[in-house]
């Protein structure tokens, strides 16, 4: 592997995913699904819309960017306390410095107006939480492939193998 490939792999492995979810059971299931799907990226969790904005702003307890880095991917529930997922999405898309931030709405609602509104507001994707754990793992694998998340640690790679999942 070339040195520049190591840098790219390290950058992706260290790239944080922010999960914005208030349901404790869903949080635990998603963490487990990420492990089962072999996603190596750090997963940080906030439990309401207001906290998501504080995290992204680096405000309060989120000021330490070593512990609370800007994510490259946000998994955003729509039904949140304090501020809705739509309000968080609007806040993100109103800030040019977050233009490249990938936001995936991950929610229980398959209500067509919600899907349409999320896409109109700038969500990169809209996923409905599946009914079984196995389906959740498969969904996480699709997320991994779509946004090129590292699925194995660099030491697991063979010399002829590409470092990124497809």
C-alpha atoms as a PDB file:
ATOM      1  CA  UNK A   1       0.000   0.000   0.000  1.00  0.00           C
ATOM      2  CA  UNK A   2       1.323   3.438  -0.932  1.00  0.00           C
ATOM      3  CA  UNK A   3       1.823   6.028   1.876  1.00  0.00           C
ATOM      4  CA  UNK A   4      -0.948   8.232   0.474  1.00  0.00           C
ATOM      5  CA  UNK A   5      -3.335   5.255   0.613  1.00  0.00           C
ATOM      6  CA  UNK A   6      -2.530   4.809   4.316  1.00  0.00           C
ATOM      7  CA  UNK A   7      -3.369   8.479   4.894  1.00  0.00           C
ATOM      8  CA  UNK A   8      -6.708   8.079   3.115  1.00  0.00           C
ATOM      9  CA  UNK A   9      -7.554   4.943   5.102  1.00  0.00           C
ATOM     10  CA  UNK A  10      -6.555   6.623   8.369  1.00  0.00           C
ATOM     11  CA  UNK A  11      -8.666   9.677   7.503  1.00  0.00           C
ATOM     12  CA  UNK A  12     -11.726   7.508   6.856  1.00  0.00           C
ATOM     13  CA  UNK A  13     -11.176   5.321   9.913  1.00  0.00           C
ATOM     14  CA  UNK A  14     -10.910   8.414  12.094  1.00  0.00           C
ATOM     15  CA  UNK A  15     -13.914  10.103  10.455  1.00  0.00           C
ATOM     16  CA  UNK A  16     -16.735  10.296  12.917  1.00  0.00           C
ATOM     17  CA  UNK A  17     -20.377   9.432  12.374  1.00  0.00           C
ATOM     18  CA  UNK A  18     -22.886  11.393  14.445  1.00  0.00           C
ATOM     19  CA  UNK A  19     -26.085   9.570  15.369  1.00  0.00           C
ATOM     20  CA  UNK A  20     -28.920  11.900  16.395  1.00  0.00           C
ATOM     21  CA  UNK A  21     -31.447   9.587  18.042  1.00  0.00           C
ATOM     22  CA  UNK A  22     -33.509   9.841  21.219  1.00  0.00           C
ATOM     23  CA  UNK A  23     -34.698   6.242  21.515  1.00  0.00           C
ATOM     24  CA  UNK A  24     -32.278   4.321  23.766  1.00  0.00           C
ATOM     25  CA  UNK A  25     -33.261   0.951  22.289  1.00  0.00           C
ATOM     26  CA  UNK A  26     -32.642   2.202  18.734  1.00  0.00           C
ATOM     27  CA  UNK A  27     -29.255   3.589  19.823  1.00  0.00           C
ATOM     28  CA  UNK A  28     -28.202   0.235  21.258  1.00  0.00           C
ATOM     29  CA  UNK A  29     -29.453  -1.663  18.200  1.00  0.00           C
ATOM     30  CA  UNK A  30     -27.665   0.708  15.820  1.00  0.00           C
ATOM     31  CA  UNK A  31     -24.391   0.436  17.753  1.00  0.00           C
ATOM     32  CA  UNK A  32     -24.670  -3.344  17.600  1.00  0.00           C
ATOM     33  CA  UNK A  33     -25.557  -3.234  13.886  1.00  0.00           C
ATOM     34  CA  UNK A  34     -22.500  -1.060  13.197  1.00  0.00           C
ATOM     35  CA  UNK A  35     -20.295  -3.613  14.967  1.00  0.00           C
ATOM     36  CA  UNK A  36     -21.894  -6.517  13.081  1.00  0.00           C
ATOM     37  CA  UNK A  37     -21.466  -4.641   9.781  1.00  0.00           C
ATOM     38  CA  UNK A  38     -17.790  -4.123  10.672  1.00  0.00           C
ATOM     39  CA  UNK A  39     -17.896  -0.341  10.491  1.00  0.00           C
ATOM     40  CA  UNK A  40     -14.688   0.905  12.077  1.00  0.00           C
ATOM     41  CA  UNK A  41     -15.580   4.601  12.245  1.00  0.00           C
ATOM     42  CA  UNK A  42     -16.225   6.186  15.647  1.00  0.00           C
ATOM     43  CA  UNK A  43     -19.946   6.643  16.349  1.00  0.00           C
ATOM     44  CA  UNK A  44     -20.903   9.581  18.567  1.00  0.00           C
ATOM     45  CA  UNK A  45     -24.477   9.919  19.814  1.00  0.00           C
ATOM     46  CA  UNK A  46     -26.619  12.879  20.814  1.00  0.00           C
ATOM     47  CA  UNK A  47     -30.217  12.438  21.938  1.00  0.00           C
ATOM     48  CA  UNK A  48     -32.070  15.552  20.815  1.00  0.00           C
ATOM     49  CA  UNK A  49     -32.030  18.209  18.111  1.00  0.00           C
ATOM     50  CA  UNK A  50     -30.726  20.944  20.370  1.00  0.00           C
ATOM     51  CA  UNK A  51     -27.791  18.776  21.431  1.00  0.00           C
ATOM     52  CA  UNK A  52     -27.027  17.990  17.763  1.00  0.00           C
ATOM     53  CA  UNK A  53     -26.661  21.699  17.016  1.00  0.00           C
ATOM     54  CA  UNK A  54     -24.498  22.189  20.108  1.00  0.00           C
ATOM     55  CA  UNK A  55     -22.313  19.274  18.996  1.00  0.00           C
ATOM     56  CA  UNK A  56     -21.898  20.674  15.478  1.00  0.00           C
ATOM     57  CA  UNK A  57     -21.285  24.172  16.838  1.00  0.00           C
ATOM     58  CA  UNK A  58     -18.698  22.952  19.315  1.00  0.00           C
ATOM     59  CA  UNK A  59     -20.676  24.546  22.131  1.00  0.00           C
ATOM     60  CA  UNK A  60     -20.597  23.658  25.813  1.00  0.00           C
ATOM     61  CA  UNK A  61     -19.493  20.115  26.534  1.00  0.00           C
ATOM     62  CA  UNK A  62     -18.782  19.620  22.804  1.00  0.00           C
ATOM     63  CA  UNK A  63     -16.063  22.284  22.606  1.00  0.00           C
ATOM     64  CA  UNK A  64     -13.289  19.680  22.693  1.00  0.00           C
ATOM     65  CA  UNK A  65     -12.942  18.741  19.011  1.00  0.00           C
ATOM     66  CA  UNK A  66     -10.673  15.801  19.863  1.00  0.00           C
ATOM     67  CA  UNK A  67     -13.545  14.139  21.707  1.00  0.00           C
ATOM     68  CA  UNK A  68     -16.308  15.649  19.568  1.00  0.00           C
ATOM     69  CA  UNK A  69     -14.929  15.998  16.025  1.00  0.00           C
ATOM     70  CA  UNK A  70     -16.995  17.324  13.157  1.00  0.00           C
ATOM     71  CA  UNK A  71     -18.615  14.237  11.637  1.00  0.00           C
ATOM     72  CA  UNK A  72     -18.454  13.379   7.964  1.00  0.00           C
ATOM     73  CA  UNK A  73     -21.829  11.598   8.198  1.00  0.00           C
ATOM     74  CA  UNK A  74     -24.917  12.337  10.284  1.00  0.00           C
ATOM     75  CA  UNK A  75     -27.676   9.789  10.832  1.00  0.00           C
ATOM     76  CA  UNK A  76     -30.639  11.945  11.779  1.00  0.00           C
ATOM     77  CA  UNK A  77     -33.963  10.880  13.248  1.00  0.00           C
ATOM     78  CA  UNK A  78     -36.864  13.217  12.439  1.00  0.00           C
ATOM     79  CA  UNK A  79     -38.868  12.840  15.641  1.00  0.00           C
ATOM     80  CA  UNK A  80     -36.622  14.345  18.307  1.00  0.00           C
ATOM     81  CA  UNK A  81     -37.152  16.258  21.535  1.00  0.00           C
ATOM     82  CA  UNK A  82     -36.442  20.003  21.709  1.00  0.00           C
ATOM     83  CA  UNK A  83     -35.784  20.496  17.976  1.00  0.00           C
ATOM     84  CA  UNK A  84     -37.030  18.186  15.225  1.00  0.00           C
ATOM     85  CA  UNK A  85     -34.782  16.494  12.714  1.00  0.00           C
ATOM     86  CA  UNK A  86     -36.171  18.881  10.098  1.00  0.00           C
ATOM     87  CA  UNK A  87     -35.038  21.852  12.196  1.00  0.00           C
ATOM     88  CA  UNK A  88     -31.573  20.328  12.594  1.00  0.00           C
ATOM     89  CA  UNK A  89     -31.360  19.630   8.862  1.00  0.00           C
ATOM     90  CA  UNK A  90     -32.394  23.203   8.082  1.00  0.00           C
ATOM     91  CA  UNK A  91     -29.761  24.550  10.522  1.00  0.00           C
ATOM     92  CA  UNK A  92     -27.058  22.403   8.888  1.00  0.00           C
ATOM     93  CA  UNK A  93     -27.964  23.380   5.326  1.00  0.00           C
ATOM     94  CA  UNK A  94     -28.087  27.083   6.278  1.00  0.00           C
ATOM     95  CA  UNK A  95     -24.354  26.942   7.076  1.00  0.00           C
ATOM     96  CA  UNK A  96     -22.058  26.934   4.046  1.00  0.00           C
ATOM     97  CA  UNK A  97     -19.199  25.344   6.019  1.00  0.00           C
ATOM     98  CA  UNK A  98     -21.370  22.222   6.409  1.00  0.00           C
ATOM     99  CA  UNK A  99     -22.238  22.014   2.694  1.00  0.00           C
ATOM    100  CA  UNK A 100     -20.201  18.825   2.241  1.00  0.00           C
ATOM    101  CA  UNK A 101     -21.630  17.132   5.336  1.00  0.00           C
ATOM    102  CA  UNK A 102     -23.600  14.003   4.417  1.00  0.00           C
ATOM    103  CA  UNK A 103     -26.942  13.832   6.202  1.00  0.00           C
ATOM    104  CA  UNK A 104     -28.936  10.621   6.101  1.00  0.00           C
ATOM    105  CA  UNK A 105     -32.404  10.768   7.603  1.00  0.00           C
ATOM    106  CA  UNK A 106     -32.927   7.524   9.526  1.00  0.00           C
ATOM    107  CA  UNK A 107     -36.417   7.385  10.932  1.00  0.00           C
ATOM    108  CA  UNK A 108     -39.534   5.283  11.473  1.00  0.00           C
ATOM    109  CA  UNK A 109     -41.646   7.465   9.186  1.00  0.00           C
ATOM    110  CA  UNK A 110     -42.258   6.369   5.604  1.00  0.00           C
ATOM    111  CA  UNK A 111     -44.785   9.199   5.226  1.00  0.00           C
ATOM    112  CA  UNK A 112     -44.293  10.492   1.645  1.00  0.00           C
ATOM    113  CA  UNK A 113     -44.478  14.204   2.605  1.00  0.00           C
ATOM    114  CA  UNK A 114     -41.655  13.620   5.143  1.00  0.00           C
ATOM    115  CA  UNK A 115     -39.499  11.951   2.495  1.00  0.00           C
ATOM    116  CA  UNK A 116     -40.168  14.751   0.006  1.00  0.00           C
ATOM    117  CA  UNK A 117     -39.534  17.484   2.547  1.00  0.00           C
ATOM    118  CA  UNK A 118     -36.276  15.914   3.756  1.00  0.00           C
ATOM    119  CA  UNK A 119     -34.930  15.688   0.211  1.00  0.00           C
ATOM    120  CA  UNK A 120     -36.054  19.248  -0.577  1.00  0.00           C
ATOM    121  CA  UNK A 121     -34.223  20.452   2.534  1.00  0.00           C
ATOM    122  CA  UNK A 122     -30.982  18.822   1.457  1.00  0.00           C
ATOM    123  CA  UNK A 123     -30.906  15.346   3.006  1.00  0.00           C
ATOM    124  CA  UNK A 124     -28.559  13.114   1.046  1.00  0.00           C
ATOM    125  CA  UNK A 125     -30.712  10.058   1.686  1.00  0.00           C
ATOM    126  CA  UNK A 126     -33.834   8.954   3.532  1.00  0.00           C
ATOM    127  CA  UNK A 127     -33.943   5.533   5.172  1.00  0.00           C
ATOM    128  CA  UNK A 128     -36.765   3.946   7.123  1.00  0.00           C
ATOM    129  CA  UNK A 129     -35.654   1.906  10.130  1.00  0.00           C
ATOM    130  CA  UNK A 130     -36.222  -1.766   9.325  1.00  0.00           C
ATOM    131  CA  UNK A 131     -38.276  -4.154  11.403  1.00  0.00           C
ATOM    132  CA  UNK A 132     -35.619  -6.753  12.249  1.00  0.00           C
ATOM    133  CA  UNK A 133     -32.055  -6.619  13.495  1.00  0.00           C
ATOM    134  CA  UNK A 134     -30.792  -8.561  10.465  1.00  0.00           C
ATOM    135  CA  UNK A 135     -32.388  -5.998   8.142  1.00  0.00           C
ATOM    136  CA  UNK A 136     -30.808  -3.219  10.215  1.00  0.00           C
ATOM    137  CA  UNK A 137     -27.346  -4.772   9.779  1.00  0.00           C
ATOM    138  CA  UNK A 138     -27.948  -5.027   6.026  1.00  0.00           C
ATOM    139  CA  UNK A 139     -29.039  -1.379   5.935  1.00  0.00           C
ATOM    140  CA  UNK A 140     -25.850  -0.351   7.784  1.00  0.00           C
ATOM    141  CA  UNK A 141     -23.823  -2.320   5.244  1.00  0.00           C
ATOM    142  CA  UNK A 142     -25.524  -0.358   2.455  1.00  0.00           C
ATOM    143  CA  UNK A 143     -24.715   2.888   4.265  1.00  0.00           C
ATOM    144  CA  UNK A 144     -21.128   1.713   4.610  1.00  0.00           C
ATOM    145  CA  UNK A 145     -20.906   1.054   0.895  1.00  0.00           C
ATOM    146  CA  UNK A 146     -22.640   4.255  -0.180  1.00  0.00           C
ATOM    147  CA  UNK A 147     -20.450   6.589   1.815  1.00  0.00           C
ATOM    148  CA  UNK A 148     -17.211   4.592   1.640  1.00  0.00           C
ATOM    149  CA  UNK A 149     -16.840   3.836   5.296  1.00  0.00           C
ATOM    150  CA  UNK A 150     -13.939   1.653   6.238  1.00  0.00           C
ATOM    151  CA  UNK A 151     -15.182  -1.848   6.931  1.00  0.00           C
ATOM    152  CA  UNK A 152     -11.894  -3.294   8.234  1.00  0.00           C
ATOM    153  CA  UNK A 153      -8.967  -1.892  10.071  1.00  0.00           C
ATOM    154  CA  UNK A 154      -5.944  -1.170   7.838  1.00  0.00           C
ATOM    155  CA  UNK A 155      -3.955  -4.074   9.324  1.00  0.00           C
ATOM    156  CA  UNK A 156      -6.606  -6.447   7.948  1.00  0.00           C
ATOM    157  CA  UNK A 157      -5.931  -5.456   4.322  1.00  0.00           C
ATOM    158  CA  UNK A 158      -4.004  -7.614   1.891  1.00  0.00           C
ATOM    159  CA  UNK A 159      -1.415  -5.818  -0.236  1.00  0.00           C
ATOM    160  CA  UNK A 160      -3.564  -6.233  -3.390  1.00  0.00           C
ATOM    161  CA  UNK A 161      -6.818  -5.188  -1.760  1.00  0.00           C
ATOM    162  CA  UNK A 162      -8.400  -1.770  -2.023  1.00  0.00           C
ATOM    163  CA  UNK A 163      -8.765  -0.054   1.363  1.00  0.00           C
ATOM    164  CA  UNK A 164     -12.374   1.073   0.938  1.00  0.00           C
ATOM    165  CA  UNK A 165     -15.586  -0.922   0.953  1.00  0.00           C
ATOM    166  CA  UNK A 166     -17.862  -0.716  -2.048  1.00  0.00           C
END
